[in-house]
Structures are given as structure tokens and as C-alpha cells.
C-alpha atoms as a PDB file:
ATOM      1  CA  MET A   1     -34.790  58.700 -26.953  1.00  0.00           C
ATOM      2  CA  ARG A   2     -35.849  55.102 -27.442  1.00  0.00           C
ATOM      3  CA  SER A   3     -32.798  54.376 -29.657  1.00  0.00           C
ATOM      4  CA  ASN A   4     -30.413  55.631 -26.928  1.00  0.00           C
ATOM      5  CA  LEU A   5     -32.097  53.352 -24.396  1.00  0.00           C
ATOM      6  CA  SER A   6     -31.781  50.384 -26.769  1.00  0.00           C
ATOM      7  CA  ILE A   7     -28.027  50.981 -27.213  1.00  0.00           C
ATOM      8  CA  VAL A   8     -27.538  51.106 -23.436  1.00  0.00           C
ATOM      9  CA  GLU A   9     -29.621  47.953 -22.951  1.00  0.00           C
ATOM     10  CA  ILE A  10     -27.696  46.096 -25.665  1.00  0.00           C
ATOM     11  CA  SER A  11     -24.358  47.232 -24.192  1.00  0.00           C
ATOM     12  CA  VAL A  12     -25.329  46.096 -20.689  1.00  0.00           C
ATOM     13  CA  GLY A  13     -26.589  42.783 -22.066  1.00  0.00           C
ATOM     14  CA  ALA A  14     -23.370  42.193 -24.019  1.00  0.00           C
ATOM     15  CA  PHE A  15     -21.321  43.063 -20.942  1.00  0.00           C
ATOM     16  CA  MET A  16     -23.330  40.576 -18.830  1.00  0.00           C
ATOM     17  CA  VAL A  17     -22.869  37.789 -21.404  1.00  0.00           C
ATOM     18  CA  ALA A  18     -19.112  38.460 -21.530  1.00  0.00           C
ATOM     19  CA  ALA A  19     -18.917  38.474 -17.714  1.00  0.00           C
ATOM     20  CA  LEU A  20     -20.804  35.160 -17.485  1.00  0.00           C
ATOM     21  CA  LEU A  21     -18.509  33.563 -20.095  1.00  0.00           C
ATOM     22  CA  ALA A  22     -15.436  34.791 -18.215  1.00  0.00           C
ATOM     23  CA  LEU A  23     -16.843  33.443 -14.934  1.00  0.00           C
ATOM     24  CA  GLY A  24     -17.551  30.095 -16.596  1.00  0.00           C
ATOM     25  CA  MET A  25     -13.999  29.862 -17.944  1.00  0.00           C
ATOM     26  CA  LEU A  26     -12.607  30.736 -14.516  1.00  0.00           C
ATOM     27  CA  ALA A  27     -14.758  28.034 -12.901  1.00  0.00           C
ATOM     28  CA  LEU A  28     -13.498  25.441 -15.405  1.00  0.00           C
ATOM     29  CA  LYS A  29      -9.890  26.430 -14.843  1.00  0.00           C
ATOM     30  CA  VAL A  30     -10.126  26.393 -11.043  1.00  0.00           C
ATOM     31  CA  SER A  31     -12.062  23.113 -10.883  1.00  0.00           C
ATOM     32  CA  GLY A  32      -9.527  21.290 -13.053  1.00  0.00           C
ATOM     33  CA  LEU A  33     -12.167  20.216 -15.562  1.00  0.00           C
ATOM     34  CA  GLN A  34     -10.325  21.984 -18.344  1.00  0.00           C
ATOM     35  CA  SER A  35      -7.506  19.737 -19.410  1.00  0.00           C
ATOM     36  CA  THR A  36      -4.118  20.944 -20.599  1.00  0.00           C
ATOM     37  CA  PHE A  37      -3.484  17.827 -22.656  1.00  0.00           C
ATOM     38  CA  GLN A  38      -5.356  15.755 -25.217  1.00  0.00           C
ATOM     39  CA  GLU A  39      -7.276  13.165 -23.209  1.00  0.00           C
ATOM     40  CA  ASP A  40      -7.951  11.004 -26.238  1.00  0.00           C
ATOM     41  CA  ARG A  41      -4.214  10.605 -26.885  1.00  0.00           C
ATOM     42  CA  GLY A  42      -2.279   8.893 -24.166  1.00  0.00           C
ATOM     43  CA  PHE A  43      -1.411   5.675 -22.403  1.00  0.00           C
ATOM     44  CA  HIS A  44      -2.697   4.194 -19.164  1.00  0.00           C
ATOM     45  CA  ILE A  45      -0.496   3.265 -16.212  1.00  0.00           C
ATOM     46  CA  SER A  46      -1.359   2.240 -12.668  1.00  0.00           C
ATOM     47  CA  THR A  47       0.159   1.937  -9.221  1.00  0.00           C
ATOM     48  CA  GLU A  48      -0.848   1.059  -5.679  1.00  0.00           C
ATOM     49  CA  PHE A  49      -0.683   3.196  -2.547  1.00  0.00           C
ATOM     50  CA  THR A  50      -1.329   2.285   1.083  1.00  0.00           C
ATOM     51  CA  ASN A  51      -3.175   5.606   1.478  1.00  0.00           C
ATOM     52  CA  VAL A  52      -4.372   8.039  -1.188  1.00  0.00           C
ATOM     53  CA  GLY A  53      -5.562  10.712   1.271  1.00  0.00           C
ATOM     54  CA  GLY A  54      -7.816  13.166  -0.547  1.00  0.00           C
ATOM     55  CA  LEU A  55      -6.749  12.203  -4.072  1.00  0.00           C
ATOM     56  CA  LYS A  56      -9.652  12.439  -6.521  1.00  0.00           C
ATOM     57  CA  ILE A  57     -10.463  11.331 -10.026  1.00  0.00           C
ATOM     58  CA  ARG A  58      -9.227  14.001 -12.488  1.00  0.00           C
ATOM     59  CA  SER A  59      -6.441  15.056 -10.083  1.00  0.00           C
ATOM     60  CA  LYS A  60      -3.358  16.093 -11.988  1.00  0.00           C
ATOM     61  CA  VAL A  61      -0.329  13.900 -12.557  1.00  0.00           C
ATOM     62  CA  SER A  62       2.833  15.964 -12.783  1.00  0.00           C
ATOM     63  CA  MET A  63       6.535  15.550 -13.293  1.00  0.00           C
ATOM     64  CA  ALA A  64       8.966  18.356 -12.405  1.00  0.00           C
ATOM     65  CA  GLY A  65       5.968  20.678 -11.975  1.00  0.00           C
ATOM     66  CA  VAL A  66       4.607  20.009 -15.473  1.00  0.00           C
ATOM     67  CA  ILE A  67       1.178  18.408 -15.812  1.00  0.00           C
ATOM     68  CA  ILE A  68       1.625  15.202 -17.803  1.00  0.00           C
ATOM     69  CA  GLY A  69      -1.668  13.438 -17.126  1.00  0.00           C
ATOM     70  CA  ARG A  70      -4.753  12.895 -14.984  1.00  0.00           C
ATOM     71  CA  VAL A  71      -6.003  10.322 -12.492  1.00  0.00           C
ATOM     72  CA  THR A  72      -8.731   8.309 -14.227  1.00  0.00           C
ATOM     73  CA  ARG A  73      -9.770   5.821 -11.543  1.00  0.00           C
ATOM     74  CA  ILE A  74      -9.235   5.066  -7.858  1.00  0.00           C
ATOM     75  CA  SER A  75     -10.251   1.666  -6.493  1.00  0.00           C
ATOM     76  CA  LEU A  76      -9.504  -0.736  -3.661  1.00  0.00           C
ATOM     77  CA  ASP A  77      -7.590  -3.894  -4.487  1.00  0.00           C
ATOM     78  CA  PRO A  78      -9.529  -6.648  -2.656  1.00  0.00           C
ATOM     79  CA  SER A  79      -6.484  -8.920  -2.346  1.00  0.00           C
ATOM     80  CA  THR A  80      -4.006  -6.406  -0.871  1.00  0.00           C
ATOM     81  CA  PHE A  81      -6.420  -3.795   0.524  1.00  0.00           C
ATOM     82  CA  ASN A  82      -4.307  -1.094  -1.086  1.00  0.00           C
ATOM     83  CA  ALA A  83      -5.676   1.741  -3.184  1.00  0.00           C
ATOM     84  CA  LYS A  84      -5.111   1.240  -6.916  1.00  0.00           C
ATOM     85  CA  VAL A  85      -4.730   4.452  -8.907  1.00  0.00           C
ATOM     86  CA  ASP A  86      -5.104   4.423 -12.690  1.00  0.00           C
ATOM     87  CA  MET A  87      -3.681   7.340 -14.652  1.00  0.00           C
ATOM     88  CA  LEU A  88      -3.755   8.553 -18.226  1.00  0.00           C
ATOM     89  CA  ILE A  89      -0.409   9.990 -19.345  1.00  0.00           C
ATOM     90  CA  ASP A  90      -0.240  12.226 -22.416  1.00  0.00           C
ATOM     91  CA  ASP A  91       1.485  10.675 -25.451  1.00  0.00           C
ATOM     92  CA  ARG A  92       4.042  13.489 -25.493  1.00  0.00           C
ATOM     93  CA  PHE A  93       5.620  11.944 -22.372  1.00  0.00           C
ATOM     94  CA  ARG A  94       6.372   8.404 -23.579  1.00  0.00           C
ATOM     95  CA  GLU A  95       9.967   8.295 -22.292  1.00  0.00           C
ATOM     96  CA  ILE A  96       9.344   8.079 -18.543  1.00  0.00           C
ATOM     97  CA  PRO A  97      11.672   5.463 -16.975  1.00  0.00           C
ATOM     98  CA  ASP A  98       9.792   2.429 -15.643  1.00  0.00           C
ATOM     99  CA  ASP A  99      11.581   2.629 -12.265  1.00  0.00           C
ATOM    100  CA  SER A 100      10.226   6.118 -11.558  1.00  0.00           C
ATOM    101  CA  ARG A 101       9.043   6.942  -8.044  1.00  0.00           C
ATOM    102  CA  VAL A 102       5.391   7.954  -7.529  1.00  0.00           C
ATOM    103  CA  SER A 103       4.223  10.186  -4.664  1.00  0.00           C
ATOM    104  CA  ILE A 104       0.972  11.780  -3.605  1.00  0.00           C
ATOM    105  CA  LEU A 105       1.650  15.398  -2.735  1.00  0.00           C
ATOM    106  CA  THR A 106      -0.449  18.335  -1.607  1.00  0.00           C
ATOM    107  CA  ALA A 107      -0.556  21.645  -3.478  1.00  0.00           C
ATOM    108  CA  GLY A 108       0.181  24.100  -0.685  1.00  0.00           C
ATOM    109  CA  LEU A 109      -0.587  23.572   2.985  1.00  0.00           C
ATOM    110  CA  LEU A 110      -4.243  22.629   2.580  1.00  0.00           C
ATOM    111  CA  GLY A 111      -4.535  22.317  -1.201  1.00  0.00           C
ATOM    112  CA  ASP A 112      -5.659  19.452  -3.414  1.00  0.00           C
ATOM    113  CA  ASN A 113      -3.698  16.224  -3.606  1.00  0.00           C
ATOM    114  CA  TYR A 114      -2.015  15.242  -6.854  1.00  0.00           C
ATOM    115  CA  VAL A 115       0.272  12.510  -8.156  1.00  0.00           C
ATOM    116  CA  ASN A 116       3.918  13.376  -8.758  1.00  0.00           C
ATOM    117  CA  LEU A 117       6.361  11.231 -10.742  1.00  0.00           C
ATOM    118  CA  ASN A 118      10.107  11.445 -10.075  1.00  0.00           C
ATOM    119  CA  ALA A 119      12.130  10.018 -12.950  1.00  0.00           C
ATOM    120  CA  GLY A 120      14.175   6.916 -12.313  1.00  0.00           C
ATOM    121  CA  PHE A 121      17.277   5.766 -14.167  1.00  0.00           C
ATOM    122  CA  SER A 122      16.059   2.759 -16.141  1.00  0.00           C
ATOM    123  CA  ASP A 123      16.564   2.427 -19.884  1.00  0.00           C
ATOM    124  CA  GLN A 124      13.067   0.907 -20.129  1.00  0.00           C
ATOM    125  CA  PHE A 125      10.083   3.249 -20.346  1.00  0.00           C
ATOM    126  CA  LEU A 126       6.485   3.184 -19.114  1.00  0.00           C
ATOM    127  CA  LYS A 127       4.007   2.019 -21.749  1.00  0.00           C
ATOM    128  CA  GLU A 128       0.307   1.206 -22.050  1.00  0.00           C
ATOM    129  CA  GLY A 129      -0.708  -0.950 -19.068  1.00  0.00           C
ATOM    130  CA  SER A 130       2.492  -0.484 -17.057  1.00  0.00           C
ATOM    131  CA  ALA A 131       2.097  -0.913 -13.303  1.00  0.00           C
ATOM    132  CA  LEU A 132       4.535   0.749 -10.930  1.00  0.00           C
ATOM    133  CA  PRO A 133       5.143  -1.442  -7.846  1.00  0.00           C
ATOM    134  CA  LEU A 134       4.152  -0.456  -4.301  1.00  0.00           C
ATOM    135  CA  GLU A 135       7.855  -0.232  -3.416  1.00  0.00           C
ATOM    136  CA  ASN A 136       8.147   2.757  -5.777  1.00  0.00           C
ATOM    137  CA  THR A 137       5.358   4.740  -4.098  1.00  0.00           C
ATOM    138  CA  ASP A 138       5.076   7.256  -1.283  1.00  0.00           C
ATOM    139  CA  SER A 139       1.539   7.470   0.057  1.00  0.00           C
ATOM    140  CA  ALA A 140      -0.286  10.657   0.947  1.00  0.00           C
ATOM    141  CA  MET A 141       0.707  12.507   4.092  1.00  0.00           C
ATOM    142  CA  VAL A 142      -2.508  12.938   6.051  1.00  0.00           C
ATOM    143  CA  LEU A 143      -2.402  16.104   8.145  1.00  0.00           C
ATOM    144  CA  GLU A 144      -4.417  14.583  10.985  1.00  0.00           C
ATOM    145  CA  GLN A 145      -1.992  11.646  11.279  1.00  0.00           C
ATOM    146  CA  LEU A 146       1.000  13.990  11.351  1.00  0.00           C
ATOM    147  CA  ILE A 147      -0.579  16.060  14.126  1.00  0.00           C
ATOM    148  CA  GLU A 148      -1.428  12.898  16.066  1.00  0.00           C
ATOM    149  CA  LYS A 149       2.173  11.649  15.813  1.00  0.00           C
ATOM    150  CA  PHE A 150       3.545  15.021  16.855  1.00  0.00           C
ATOM    151  CA  LEU A 151       1.230  15.300  19.862  1.00  0.00           C
ATOM    152  CA  GLY A 152       1.944  11.686  20.823  1.00  0.00           C
ATOM    153  CA  GLN A 153       5.689  12.330  20.828  1.00  0.00           C
ATOM    154  CA  LYS A 154       5.252  15.491  22.893  1.00  0.00           C
ATOM    155  CA  ALA A 155       3.106  13.592  25.401  1.00  0.00           C
ATOM    156  CA  MET A 156       5.775  10.884  25.724  1.00  0.00           C
ATOM    157  CA  GLU A 157       8.462  13.518  26.303  1.00  0.00           C
ATOM    158  CA  ALA A 158       6.385  15.244  28.968  1.00  0.00           C
ATOM    159  CA  LYS A 159       5.652  12.026  30.879  1.00  0.00           C
ATOM    160  CA  PRO A 160       7.956  11.688  33.943  1.00  0.00           C
ATOM    161  CA  SER A 161      10.230   8.710  33.741  1.00  0.00           C
ATOM    162  CA  SER A 162       9.173   6.055  36.174  1.00  0.00           C
ATOM    163  CA  THR A 163      11.702   3.821  37.869  1.00  0.00           C
ATOM    164  CA  HIS A 164      10.887   0.686  39.688  1.00  0.00           C
ATOM    165  CA  SER A 165      13.475   1.092  42.434  1.00  0.00           C
ATOM    166  CA  GLU A 166      12.580   1.316  46.071  1.00  0.00           C
ATOM    167  CA  PRO A 167      12.478   4.758  47.614  1.00  0.00           C
ATOM    168  CA  GLU A 168      15.672   5.686  49.356  1.00  0.00           C
ATOM    169  CA  GLN A 169      15.699   5.000  53.079  1.00  0.00           C
ATOM    170  CA  PRO A 170      17.285   7.584  55.344  1.00  0.00           C
ATOM    171  CA  LYS A 171      20.671   6.533  56.626  1.00  0.00           C
ATOM    172  CA  GLN A 172      20.712   5.468  60.224  1.00  0.00           C
ATOM    173  CA  GLU A 173      23.516   6.766  62.276  1.00  0.00           C
ATOM    174  CA  PRO A 174      25.122   4.376  64.682  1.00  0.00           C
ATOM    175  CA  SER A 175      23.686   4.755  68.165  1.00  0.00           C
ATOM    176  CA  HIS A 176      26.044   5.863  70.894  1.00  0.00           C
ATOM    177  CA  GLU A 177      24.856   4.399  74.082  1.00  0.00           C
ATOM    178  CA  LYS A 178      26.354   5.611  77.246  1.00  0.00           C
ATOM    179  CA  HIS A 179      27.663   2.869  79.358  1.00  0.00           C
ATOM    180  CA  LYS A 180      26.414   2.895  82.866  1.00  0.00           C
ATOM    181  CA  SER A 181      29.042   2.466  85.398  1.00  0.00           C
END
């Protein structure tokens, strides 16, 4: 009887260990801590944005929906007061044109922000230390700012137009006096 109980206990224990390992792997995958590329092999690039929204360190960098790197650092440039974003791009993606456009997008309606590269047409490619200019960036769309703009426009449309003209005076009809004879 004791041997049957031991087999059940060992089976339950093994099942619990497997479940905890699976839960741990799921947590790593969802949190983005598990990388899909070799972080020790790659080259660093940077760019500036006027607003990074909710972008975080370790956010993905993608191109055409494929993860090609990670955000490694976000800082404020004290001379321009723009956000500087440093990224590590996997070595497998060395032929990205240096005039590529960089945007901060949101995964889904309320998902995490990530950096997206849209390939340019230059014959020169990004390399270690390349910096994409502010002119080639599209900053994050902040939901609160979009709502504020929308509501502001609706309020302006609803406001009655005011004119500075005098109110119209009723027309006076000519008086017909009867002449006394």
C-alpha cells in the first residue's frame, strides 16, 4: 500500500514541477525577456523622437513584422530635449538602408509600444553607431492626446459662430399723416 502511495506522490510532484516550468516559460515569453535573437551579436544604432510614449527598454524593434532587435537604452538629450533611443540590431540584418524611417507603434489598441523600421531606398546601410535623424522618425501616438484633439475639434464645431454685426433693426414704415383741412 505504501508503494502505491509513493508512486502517486511522485507522479503528482513531477506534474507540479512540469507545470511550474511551463508557467515560467510562458511568463518569459509574455514579458519579452526571452529574446529571439543573439544579443551578443549585433550592432548599435540610435535615433531621436519628440515623444516615446510608453516605449520601454527591451521593447522589440521590428521590420515588416519581424523582430530584428531590442531597445537597449532610452535617455533625454539635454541639448534638444528629445528622447534618444538606442537599439541593438541583430547581425543577420546588416543591410538596412540608412535612410529608413523609424516609428513608434502600439501592438493592438492598448498594447505595448515598439519601434518599427520601414526600409528606405539608399544604397548605404546602417552600421555600428549609425544615428537616424529626427526627420526620419514618427513619434508615439499618445491615446490621451488623440482623445483631447478629437474632443477639442468637436467642441469647436459645436460652438455657435459669433458675428460682430449689430442686431437687425426693424424696418420703419413711412408714416402717413392725415392732413388737416
